[in-house]
ModelCIF file with pLDDT and N, C-alpha, C, O atoms, coordinates in Angstrom:
data_MODEL
#
_entry.id   MODEL 
#
_entity.id                         1 
_entity.type                       polymer 
_entity.pdbx_number_of_molecules   1 
#
_entity_poly.entity_id                      1 
_entity_poly.type                           'polypeptide(L)' 
_entity_poly.nstd_linkage                   no 
_entity_poly.nstd_monomer                   no 
_entity_poly.pdbx_seq_one_letter_code       AGWKIEVTKSKLAKPLELHGEQITEAVSKVTWTAATKDSGI 
_entity_poly.pdbx_seq_one_letter_code_can   AGWKIEVTKSKLAKPLELHGEQITEAVSKVTWTAATKDSGI 
_entity_poly.pdbx_strand_id                 A 
#
loop_
_entity_poly_seq.entity_id 
_entity_poly_seq.num 
_entity_poly_seq.mon_id 
_entity_poly_seq.hetero 
1 1  ALA n 
1 2  GLY n 
1 3  TRP n 
1 4  LYS n 
1 5  ILE n 
1 6  GLU n 
1 7  VAL n 
1 8  THR n 
1 9  LYS n 
1 10 SER n 
1 11 LYS n 
1 12 LEU n 
1 13 ALA n 
1 14 LYS n 
1 15 PRO n 
1 16 LEU n 
1 17 GLU n 
1 18 LEU n 
1 19 HIS n 
1 20 GLY n 
1 21 GLU n 
1 22 GLN n 
1 23 ILE n 
1 24 THR n 
1 25 GLU n 
1 26 ALA n 
1 27 VAL n 
1 28 SER n 
1 29 LYS n 
1 30 VAL n 
1 31 THR n 
1 32 TRP n 
1 33 THR n 
1 34 ALA n 
1 35 ALA n 
1 36 THR n 
1 37 LYS n 
1 38 ASP n 
1 39 SER n 
1 40 GLY n 
1 41 ILE n 
#
_struct_asym.id          A 
_struct_asym.entity_id   1 
#
loop_
_ma_qa_metric.id 
_ma_qa_metric.mode 
_ma_qa_metric.name 
_ma_qa_metric.software_group_id 
_ma_qa_metric.type 
1 global pLDDT . pLDDT 
2 local  pLDDT . pLDDT 
#
_ma_qa_metric_global.metric_id      1 
_ma_qa_metric_global.metric_value   90.61 
_ma_qa_metric_global.model_id       1 
_ma_qa_metric_global.ordinal_id     1 
#
loop_
_ma_qa_metric_local.label_asym_id 
_ma_qa_metric_local.label_comp_id 
_ma_qa_metric_local.label_seq_id 
_ma_qa_metric_local.metric_id 
_ma_qa_metric_local.metric_value 
_ma_qa_metric_local.model_id 
_ma_qa_metric_local.ordinal_id 
A ALA 1  2 95.00 1 1  
A GLY 2  2 96.00 1 2  
A TRP 3  2 97.00 1 3  
A LYS 4  2 98.00 1 4  
A ILE 5  2 98.00 1 5  
A GLU 6  2 98.00 1 6  
A VAL 7  2 97.00 1 7  
A THR 8  2 97.00 1 8  
A LYS 9  2 95.00 1 9  
A SER 10 2 94.00 1 10 
A LYS 11 2 93.00 1 11 
A LEU 12 2 89.00 1 12 
A ALA 13 2 85.00 1 13 
A LYS 14 2 84.00 1 14 
A PRO 15 2 84.00 1 15 
A LEU 16 2 80.00 1 16 
A GLU 17 2 77.00 1 17 
A LEU 18 2 73.00 1 18 
A HIS 19 2 72.00 1 19 
A GLY 20 2 78.00 1 20 
A GLU 21 2 81.00 1 21 
A GLN 22 2 85.00 1 22 
A ILE 23 2 85.00 1 23 
A THR 24 2 89.00 1 24 
A GLU 25 2 92.00 1 25 
A ALA 26 2 93.00 1 26 
A VAL 27 2 95.00 1 27 
A SER 28 2 96.00 1 28 
A LYS 29 2 98.00 1 29 
A VAL 30 2 98.00 1 30 
A THR 31 2 98.00 1 31 
A TRP 32 2 98.00 1 32 
A THR 33 2 98.00 1 33 
A ALA 34 2 98.00 1 34 
A ALA 35 2 96.00 1 35 
A THR 36 2 91.00 1 36 
A LYS 37 2 80.00 1 37 
A ASP 38 2 83.00 1 38 
A SER 39 2 87.00 1 39 
A GLY 40 2 96.00 1 40 
A ILE 41 2 98.00 1 41 
#
loop_
_atom_site.group_PDB 
_atom_site.id 
_atom_site.type_symbol 
_atom_site.label_atom_id 
_atom_site.label_alt_id 
_atom_site.label_comp_id 
_atom_site.label_asym_id 
_atom_site.label_entity_id 
_atom_site.label_seq_id 
_atom_site.pdbx_PDB_ins_code 
_atom_site.Cartn_x 
_atom_site.Cartn_y 
_atom_site.Cartn_z 
_atom_site.occupancy 
_atom_site.B_iso_or_equiv 
_atom_site.pdbx_formal_charge 
_atom_site.auth_seq_id 
_atom_site.auth_comp_id 
_atom_site.auth_asym_id 
_atom_site.auth_atom_id 
_atom_site.pdbx_PDB_model_num 
ATOM 1   N N  . ALA A 1 1  ? 326.351 210.996 39.869 1.00 95.00 ? 1  ALA A N  1 
ATOM 2   C CA . ALA A 1 1  ? 326.909 210.366 38.676 1.00 95.00 ? 1  ALA A CA 1 
ATOM 3   C C  . ALA A 1 1  ? 326.819 211.324 37.494 1.00 95.00 ? 1  ALA A C  1 
ATOM 4   O O  . ALA A 1 1  ? 325.783 211.950 37.273 1.00 95.00 ? 1  ALA A O  1 
ATOM 5   N N  . GLY A 1 2  ? 327.912 211.435 36.735 1.00 96.00 ? 2  GLY A N  1 
ATOM 6   C CA . GLY A 1 2  ? 327.931 212.295 35.553 1.00 96.00 ? 2  GLY A CA 1 
ATOM 7   C C  . GLY A 1 2  ? 328.294 213.736 35.829 1.00 96.00 ? 2  GLY A C  1 
ATOM 8   O O  . GLY A 1 2  ? 328.292 214.561 34.915 1.00 96.00 ? 2  GLY A O  1 
ATOM 9   N N  . TRP A 1 3  ? 328.611 214.060 37.098 1.00 97.00 ? 3  TRP A N  1 
ATOM 10  C CA . TRP A 1 3  ? 328.940 215.447 37.447 1.00 97.00 ? 3  TRP A CA 1 
ATOM 11  C C  . TRP A 1 3  ? 330.227 215.503 38.262 1.00 97.00 ? 3  TRP A C  1 
ATOM 12  O O  . TRP A 1 3  ? 330.446 214.682 39.153 1.00 97.00 ? 3  TRP A O  1 
ATOM 13  N N  . LYS A 1 4  ? 331.072 216.477 37.947 1.00 98.00 ? 4  LYS A N  1 
ATOM 14  C CA . LYS A 1 4  ? 332.246 216.779 38.748 1.00 98.00 ? 4  LYS A CA 1 
ATOM 15  C C  . LYS A 1 4  ? 331.878 217.896 39.720 1.00 98.00 ? 4  LYS A C  1 
ATOM 16  O O  . LYS A 1 4  ? 331.274 218.892 39.322 1.00 98.00 ? 4  LYS A O  1 
ATOM 17  N N  . ILE A 1 5  ? 332.237 217.735 40.985 1.00 98.00 ? 5  ILE A N  1 
ATOM 18  C CA . ILE A 1 5  ? 331.844 218.704 42.012 1.00 98.00 ? 5  ILE A CA 1 
ATOM 19  C C  . ILE A 1 5  ? 333.079 219.352 42.609 1.00 98.00 ? 5  ILE A C  1 
ATOM 20  O O  . ILE A 1 5  ? 334.028 218.673 43.001 1.00 98.00 ? 5  ILE A O  1 
ATOM 21  N N  . GLU A 1 6  ? 333.052 220.675 42.671 1.00 98.00 ? 6  GLU A N  1 
ATOM 22  C CA . GLU A 1 6  ? 334.156 221.445 43.259 1.00 98.00 ? 6  GLU A CA 1 
ATOM 23  C C  . GLU A 1 6  ? 333.610 222.338 44.370 1.00 98.00 ? 6  GLU A C  1 
ATOM 24  O O  . GLU A 1 6  ? 332.673 223.109 44.166 1.00 98.00 ? 6  GLU A O  1 
ATOM 25  N N  . VAL A 1 7  ? 334.217 222.216 45.544 1.00 97.00 ? 7  VAL A N  1 
ATOM 26  C CA . VAL A 1 7  ? 333.808 223.011 46.702 1.00 97.00 ? 7  VAL A CA 1 
ATOM 27  C C  . VAL A 1 7  ? 334.856 224.081 46.952 1.00 97.00 ? 7  VAL A C  1 
ATOM 28  O O  . VAL A 1 7  ? 336.033 223.770 47.134 1.00 97.00 ? 7  VAL A O  1 
ATOM 29  N N  . THR A 1 8  ? 334.436 225.339 46.961 1.00 97.00 ? 8  THR A N  1 
ATOM 30  C CA . THR A 1 8  ? 335.343 226.471 47.168 1.00 97.00 ? 8  THR A CA 1 
ATOM 31  C C  . THR A 1 8  ? 335.121 227.067 48.548 1.00 97.00 ? 8  THR A C  1 
ATOM 32  O O  . THR A 1 8  ? 333.987 227.351 48.935 1.00 97.00 ? 8  THR A O  1 
ATOM 33  N N  . LYS A 1 9  ? 336.221 227.256 49.296 1.00 95.00 ? 9  LYS A N  1 
ATOM 34  C CA . LYS A 1 9  ? 336.133 227.837 50.637 1.00 95.00 ? 9  LYS A CA 1 
ATOM 35  C C  . LYS A 1 9  ? 336.805 229.207 50.655 1.00 95.00 ? 9  LYS A C  1 
ATOM 36  O O  . LYS A 1 9  ? 337.701 229.497 49.863 1.00 95.00 ? 9  LYS A O  1 
ATOM 37  N N  . SER A 1 10 ? 336.339 230.041 51.588 1.00 94.00 ? 10 SER A N  1 
ATOM 38  C CA . SER A 1 10 ? 336.907 231.387 51.733 1.00 94.00 ? 10 SER A CA 1 
ATOM 39  C C  . SER A 1 10 ? 337.111 231.689 53.211 1.00 94.00 ? 10 SER A C  1 
ATOM 40  O O  . SER A 1 10 ? 336.425 231.144 54.075 1.00 94.00 ? 10 SER A O  1 
ATOM 41  N N  . LYS A 1 11 ? 338.070 232.568 53.481 1.00 93.00 ? 11 LYS A N  1 
ATOM 42  C CA . LYS A 1 11 ? 338.331 232.981 54.857 1.00 93.00 ? 11 LYS A CA 1 
ATOM 43  C C  . LYS A 1 11 ? 337.170 233.816 55.393 1.00 93.00 ? 11 LYS A C  1 
ATOM 44  O O  . LYS A 1 11 ? 336.575 234.614 54.668 1.00 93.00 ? 11 LYS A O  1 
ATOM 45  N N  . LEU A 1 12 ? 336.860 233.622 56.663 1.00 89.00 ? 12 LEU A N  1 
ATOM 46  C CA . LEU A 1 12 ? 335.772 234.371 57.290 1.00 89.00 ? 12 LEU A CA 1 
ATOM 47  C C  . LEU A 1 12 ? 336.316 235.615 57.984 1.00 89.00 ? 12 LEU A C  1 
ATOM 48  O O  . LEU A 1 12 ? 337.382 235.588 58.599 1.00 89.00 ? 12 LEU A O  1 
ATOM 49  N N  . ALA A 1 13 ? 335.571 236.688 57.872 1.00 85.00 ? 13 ALA A N  1 
ATOM 50  C CA . ALA A 1 13 ? 335.964 237.914 58.570 1.00 85.00 ? 13 ALA A CA 1 
ATOM 51  C C  . ALA A 1 13 ? 335.842 237.729 60.082 1.00 85.00 ? 13 ALA A C  1 
ATOM 52  O O  . ALA A 1 13 ? 336.624 238.279 60.858 1.00 85.00 ? 13 ALA A O  1 
ATOM 53  N N  . LYS A 1 14 ? 334.832 236.930 60.486 1.00 84.00 ? 14 LYS A N  1 
ATOM 54  C CA . LYS A 1 14 ? 334.620 236.632 61.894 1.00 84.00 ? 14 LYS A CA 1 
ATOM 55  C C  . LYS A 1 14 ? 334.484 235.125 62.035 1.00 84.00 ? 14 LYS A C  1 
ATOM 56  O O  . LYS A 1 14 ? 333.588 234.538 61.428 1.00 84.00 ? 14 LYS A O  1 
ATOM 57  N N  . PRO A 1 15 ? 335.356 234.471 62.825 1.00 84.00 ? 15 PRO A N  1 
ATOM 58  C CA . PRO A 1 15 ? 335.311 233.011 62.965 1.00 84.00 ? 15 PRO A CA 1 
ATOM 59  C C  . PRO A 1 15 ? 333.968 232.531 63.527 1.00 84.00 ? 15 PRO A C  1 
ATOM 60  O O  . PRO A 1 15 ? 333.303 233.235 64.286 1.00 84.00 ? 15 PRO A O  1 
ATOM 61  N N  . LEU A 1 16 ? 333.593 231.317 63.131 1.00 80.00 ? 16 LEU A N  1 
ATOM 62  C CA . LEU A 1 16 ? 332.390 230.682 63.647 1.00 80.00 ? 16 LEU A CA 1 
ATOM 63  C C  . LEU A 1 16 ? 332.781 229.610 64.653 1.00 80.00 ? 16 LEU A C  1 
ATOM 64  O O  . LEU A 1 16 ? 333.905 229.107 64.637 1.00 80.00 ? 16 LEU A O  1 
ATOM 65  N N  . GLU A 1 17 ? 331.840 229.265 65.530 1.00 77.00 ? 17 GLU A N  1 
ATOM 66  C CA . GLU A 1 17 ? 332.091 228.186 66.489 1.00 77.00 ? 17 GLU A CA 1 
ATOM 67  C C  . GLU A 1 17 ? 331.170 227.026 66.165 1.00 77.00 ? 17 GLU A C  1 
ATOM 68  O O  . GLU A 1 17 ? 329.955 227.200 66.075 1.00 77.00 ? 17 GLU A O  1 
ATOM 69  N N  . LEU A 1 18 ? 331.749 225.831 65.987 1.00 73.00 ? 18 LEU A N  1 
ATOM 70  C CA . LEU A 1 18 ? 330.972 224.639 65.662 1.00 73.00 ? 18 LEU A CA 1 
ATOM 71  C C  . LEU A 1 18 ? 331.463 223.490 66.531 1.00 73.00 ? 18 LEU A C  1 
ATOM 72  O O  . LEU A 1 18 ? 332.616 223.068 66.439 1.00 73.00 ? 18 LEU A O  1 
ATOM 73  N N  . HIS A 1 19 ? 330.558 222.990 67.384 1.00 72.00 ? 19 HIS A N  1 
ATOM 74  C CA . HIS A 1 19 ? 330.884 221.883 68.297 1.00 72.00 ? 19 HIS A CA 1 
ATOM 75  C C  . HIS A 1 19 ? 332.131 222.186 69.127 1.00 72.00 ? 19 HIS A C  1 
ATOM 76  O O  . HIS A 1 19 ? 332.980 221.322 69.348 1.00 72.00 ? 19 HIS A O  1 
ATOM 77  N N  . GLY A 1 20 ? 332.216 223.440 69.580 1.00 78.00 ? 20 GLY A N  1 
ATOM 78  C CA . GLY A 1 20 ? 333.317 223.824 70.446 1.00 78.00 ? 20 GLY A CA 1 
ATOM 79  C C  . GLY A 1 20 ? 334.600 224.182 69.730 1.00 78.00 ? 20 GLY A C  1 
ATOM 80  O O  . GLY A 1 20 ? 335.601 224.475 70.384 1.00 78.00 ? 20 GLY A O  1 
ATOM 81  N N  . GLU A 1 21 ? 334.606 224.169 68.405 1.00 81.00 ? 21 GLU A N  1 
ATOM 82  C CA . GLU A 1 21 ? 335.808 224.491 67.644 1.00 81.00 ? 21 GLU A CA 1 
ATOM 83  C C  . GLU A 1 21 ? 335.622 225.792 66.865 1.00 81.00 ? 21 GLU A C  1 
ATOM 84  O O  . GLU A 1 21 ? 334.517 226.117 66.431 1.00 81.00 ? 21 GLU A O  1 
ATOM 85  N N  . GLN A 1 22 ? 336.711 226.523 66.697 1.00 85.00 ? 22 GLN A N  1 
ATOM 86  C CA . GLN A 1 22 ? 336.680 227.763 65.945 1.00 85.00 ? 22 GLN A CA 1 
ATOM 87  C C  . GLN A 1 22 ? 336.854 227.459 64.443 1.00 85.00 ? 22 GLN A C  1 
ATOM 88  O O  . GLN A 1 22 ? 337.811 226.798 64.039 1.00 85.00 ? 22 GLN A O  1 
ATOM 89  N N  . ILE A 1 23 ? 335.918 227.952 63.637 1.00 85.00 ? 23 ILE A N  1 
ATOM 90  C CA . ILE A 1 23 ? 335.963 227.756 62.199 1.00 85.00 ? 23 ILE A CA 1 
ATOM 91  C C  . ILE A 1 23 ? 336.371 229.083 61.560 1.00 85.00 ? 23 ILE A C  1 
ATOM 92  O O  . ILE A 1 23 ? 335.676 230.089 61.709 1.00 85.00 ? 23 ILE A O  1 
ATOM 93  N N  . THR A 1 24 ? 337.496 229.080 60.852 1.00 89.00 ? 24 THR A N  1 
ATOM 94  C CA . THR A 1 24 ? 338.018 230.323 60.270 1.00 89.00 ? 24 THR A CA 1 
ATOM 95  C C  . THR A 1 24 ? 337.711 230.458 58.779 1.00 89.00 ? 24 THR A C  1 
ATOM 96  O O  . THR A 1 24 ? 337.965 231.510 58.193 1.00 89.00 ? 24 THR A O  1 
ATOM 97  N N  . GLU A 1 25 ? 337.173 229.419 58.165 1.00 92.00 ? 25 GLU A N  1 
ATOM 98  C CA . GLU A 1 25 ? 336.790 229.487 56.767 1.00 92.00 ? 25 GLU A CA 1 
ATOM 99  C C  . GLU A 1 25 ? 335.509 228.692 56.543 1.00 92.00 ? 25 GLU A C  1 
ATOM 100 O O  . GLU A 1 25 ? 335.184 227.779 57.302 1.00 92.00 ? 25 GLU A O  1 
ATOM 101 N N  . ALA A 1 26 ? 334.797 229.055 55.494 1.00 93.00 ? 26 ALA A N  1 
ATOM 102 C CA . ALA A 1 26 ? 333.530 228.394 55.193 1.00 93.00 ? 26 ALA A CA 1 
ATOM 103 C C  . ALA A 1 26 ? 333.372 228.277 53.682 1.00 93.00 ? 26 ALA A C  1 
ATOM 104 O O  . ALA A 1 26 ? 334.035 228.977 52.917 1.00 93.00 ? 26 ALA A O  1 
ATOM 105 N N  . VAL A 1 27 ? 332.485 227.381 53.271 1.00 95.00 ? 27 VAL A N  1 
ATOM 106 C CA . VAL A 1 27 ? 332.237 227.183 51.843 1.00 95.00 ? 27 VAL A CA 1 
ATOM 107 C C  . VAL A 1 27 ? 331.548 228.417 51.280 1.00 95.00 ? 27 VAL A C  1 
ATOM 108 O O  . VAL A 1 27 ? 330.528 228.862 51.806 1.00 95.00 ? 27 VAL A O  1 
ATOM 109 N N  . SER A 1 28 ? 332.106 228.963 50.217 1.00 96.00 ? 28 SER A N  1 
ATOM 110 C CA . SER A 1 28 ? 331.531 230.138 49.573 1.00 96.00 ? 28 SER A CA 1 
ATOM 111 C C  . SER A 1 28 ? 330.853 229.792 48.246 1.00 96.00 ? 28 SER A C  1 
ATOM 112 O O  . SER A 1 28 ? 330.014 230.547 47.754 1.00 96.00 ? 28 SER A O  1 
ATOM 113 N N  . LYS A 1 29 ? 331.231 228.631 47.664 1.00 98.00 ? 29 LYS A N  1 
ATOM 114 C CA . LYS A 1 29 ? 330.642 228.256 46.380 1.00 98.00 ? 29 LYS A CA 1 
ATOM 115 C C  . LYS A 1 29 ? 330.787 226.757 46.147 1.00 98.00 ? 29 LYS A C  1 
ATOM 116 O O  . LYS A 1 29 ? 331.785 226.142 46.522 1.00 98.00 ? 29 LYS A O  1 
ATOM 117 N N  . VAL A 1 30 ? 329.760 226.190 45.517 1.00 98.00 ? 30 VAL A N  1 
ATOM 118 C CA . VAL A 1 30 ? 329.832 224.803 45.056 1.00 98.00 ? 30 VAL A CA 1 
ATOM 119 C C  . VAL A 1 30 ? 329.526 224.805 43.554 1.00 98.00 ? 30 VAL A C  1 
ATOM 120 O O  . VAL A 1 30 ? 328.551 225.409 43.108 1.00 98.00 ? 30 VAL A O  1 
ATOM 121 N N  . THR A 1 31 ? 330.370 224.125 42.794 1.00 98.00 ? 31 THR A N  1 
ATOM 122 C CA . THR A 1 31 ? 330.229 224.108 41.339 1.00 98.00 ? 31 THR A CA 1 
ATOM 123 C C  . THR A 1 31 ? 330.076 222.674 40.840 1.00 98.00 ? 31 THR A C  1 
ATOM 124 O O  . THR A 1 31 ? 330.882 221.800 41.160 1.00 98.00 ? 31 THR A O  1 
ATOM 125 N N  . TRP A 1 32 ? 329.040 222.452 40.060 1.00 98.00 ? 32 TRP A N  1 
ATOM 126 C CA . TRP A 1 32 ? 328.808 221.161 39.421 1.00 98.00 ? 32 TRP A CA 1 
ATOM 127 C C  . TRP A 1 32 ? 329.079 221.323 37.916 1.00 98.00 ? 32 TRP A C  1 
ATOM 128 O O  . TRP A 1 32 ? 328.506 222.205 37.277 1.00 98.00 ? 32 TRP A O  1 
ATOM 129 N N  . THR A 1 33 ? 329.935 220.486 37.362 1.00 98.00 ? 33 THR A N  1 
ATOM 130 C CA . THR A 1 33 ? 330.260 220.533 35.934 1.00 98.00 ? 33 THR A CA 1 
ATOM 131 C C  . THR A 1 33 ? 330.020 219.161 35.325 1.00 98.00 ? 33 THR A C  1 
ATOM 132 O O  . THR A 1 33 ? 330.477 218.150 35.859 1.00 98.00 ? 33 THR A O  1 
ATOM 133 N N  . ALA A 1 34 ? 329.306 219.125 34.210 1.00 98.00 ? 34 ALA A N  1 
ATOM 134 C CA . ALA A 1 34 ? 329.025 217.853 33.553 1.00 98.00 ? 34 ALA A CA 1 
ATOM 135 C C  . ALA A 1 34 ? 330.323 217.167 33.166 1.00 98.00 ? 34 ALA A C  1 
ATOM 136 O O  . ALA A 1 34 ? 331.210 217.789 32.581 1.00 98.00 ? 34 ALA A O  1 
ATOM 137 N N  . ALA A 1 35 ? 330.436 215.883 33.493 1.00 96.00 ? 35 ALA A N  1 
ATOM 138 C CA . ALA A 1 35 ? 331.665 215.148 33.229 1.00 96.00 ? 35 ALA A CA 1 
ATOM 139 C C  . ALA A 1 35 ? 331.899 214.949 31.736 1.00 96.00 ? 35 ALA A C  1 
ATOM 140 O O  . ALA A 1 35 ? 333.041 214.939 31.275 1.00 96.00 ? 35 ALA A O  1 
ATOM 141 N N  . THR A 1 36 ? 330.820 214.791 30.988 1.00 91.00 ? 36 THR A N  1 
ATOM 142 C CA . THR A 1 36 ? 330.917 214.643 29.528 1.00 91.00 ? 36 THR A CA 1 
ATOM 143 C C  . THR A 1 36 ? 329.847 215.497 28.876 1.00 91.00 ? 36 THR A C  1 
ATOM 144 O O  . THR A 1 36 ? 328.974 216.035 29.557 1.00 91.00 ? 36 THR A O  1 
ATOM 145 N N  . LYS A 1 37 ? 329.909 215.620 27.583 1.00 80.00 ? 37 LYS A N  1 
ATOM 146 C CA . LYS A 1 37 ? 328.930 216.442 26.868 1.00 80.00 ? 37 LYS A CA 1 
ATOM 147 C C  . LYS A 1 37 ? 327.534 215.839 26.894 1.00 80.00 ? 37 LYS A C  1 
ATOM 148 O O  . LYS A 1 37 ? 326.548 216.526 26.630 1.00 80.00 ? 37 LYS A O  1 
ATOM 149 N N  . ASP A 1 38 ? 327.454 214.545 27.215 1.00 83.00 ? 38 ASP A N  1 
ATOM 150 C CA . ASP A 1 38 ? 326.154 213.874 27.252 1.00 83.00 ? 38 ASP A CA 1 
ATOM 151 C C  . ASP A 1 38 ? 325.611 213.691 28.665 1.00 83.00 ? 38 ASP A C  1 
ATOM 152 O O  . ASP A 1 38 ? 324.525 213.137 28.838 1.00 83.00 ? 38 ASP A O  1 
ATOM 153 N N  . SER A 1 39 ? 326.353 214.151 29.688 1.00 87.00 ? 39 SER A N  1 
ATOM 154 C CA . SER A 1 39 ? 325.936 213.908 31.071 1.00 87.00 ? 39 SER A CA 1 
ATOM 155 C C  . SER A 1 39 ? 325.281 215.117 31.731 1.00 87.00 ? 39 SER A C  1 
ATOM 156 O O  . SER A 1 39 ? 324.995 215.077 32.927 1.00 87.00 ? 39 SER A O  1 
ATOM 157 N N  . GLY A 1 40 ? 325.038 216.187 30.981 1.00 96.00 ? 40 GLY A N  1 
ATOM 158 C CA . GLY A 1 40 ? 324.362 217.352 31.547 1.00 96.00 ? 40 GLY A CA 1 
ATOM 159 C C  . GLY A 1 40 ? 322.857 217.151 31.596 1.00 96.00 ? 40 GLY A C  1 
ATOM 160 O O  . GLY A 1 40 ? 322.361 216.038 31.417 1.00 96.00 ? 40 GLY A O  1 
ATOM 161 N N  . ILE A 1 41 ? 322.137 218.235 31.840 1.00 98.00 ? 41 ILE A N  1 
ATOM 162 C CA . ILE A 1 41 ? 320.671 218.193 31.859 1.00 98.00 ? 41 ILE A CA 1 
ATOM 163 C C  . ILE A 1 41 ? 320.175 218.455 30.439 1.00 98.00 ? 41 ILE A C  1 
ATOM 164 O O  . ILE A 1 41 ? 318.967 218.470 30.200 1.00 98.00 ? 41 ILE A O  1 
#
């Protein structure tokens, strides 16, 4: 509550395998931004 969340993904140089599936991209960054000027820390 009070935070906007943005998940950034990037292409992988080498694919990963997860539960039998090939993963070609992964999360490289997560950004939390206060929704209002009063909702930060």
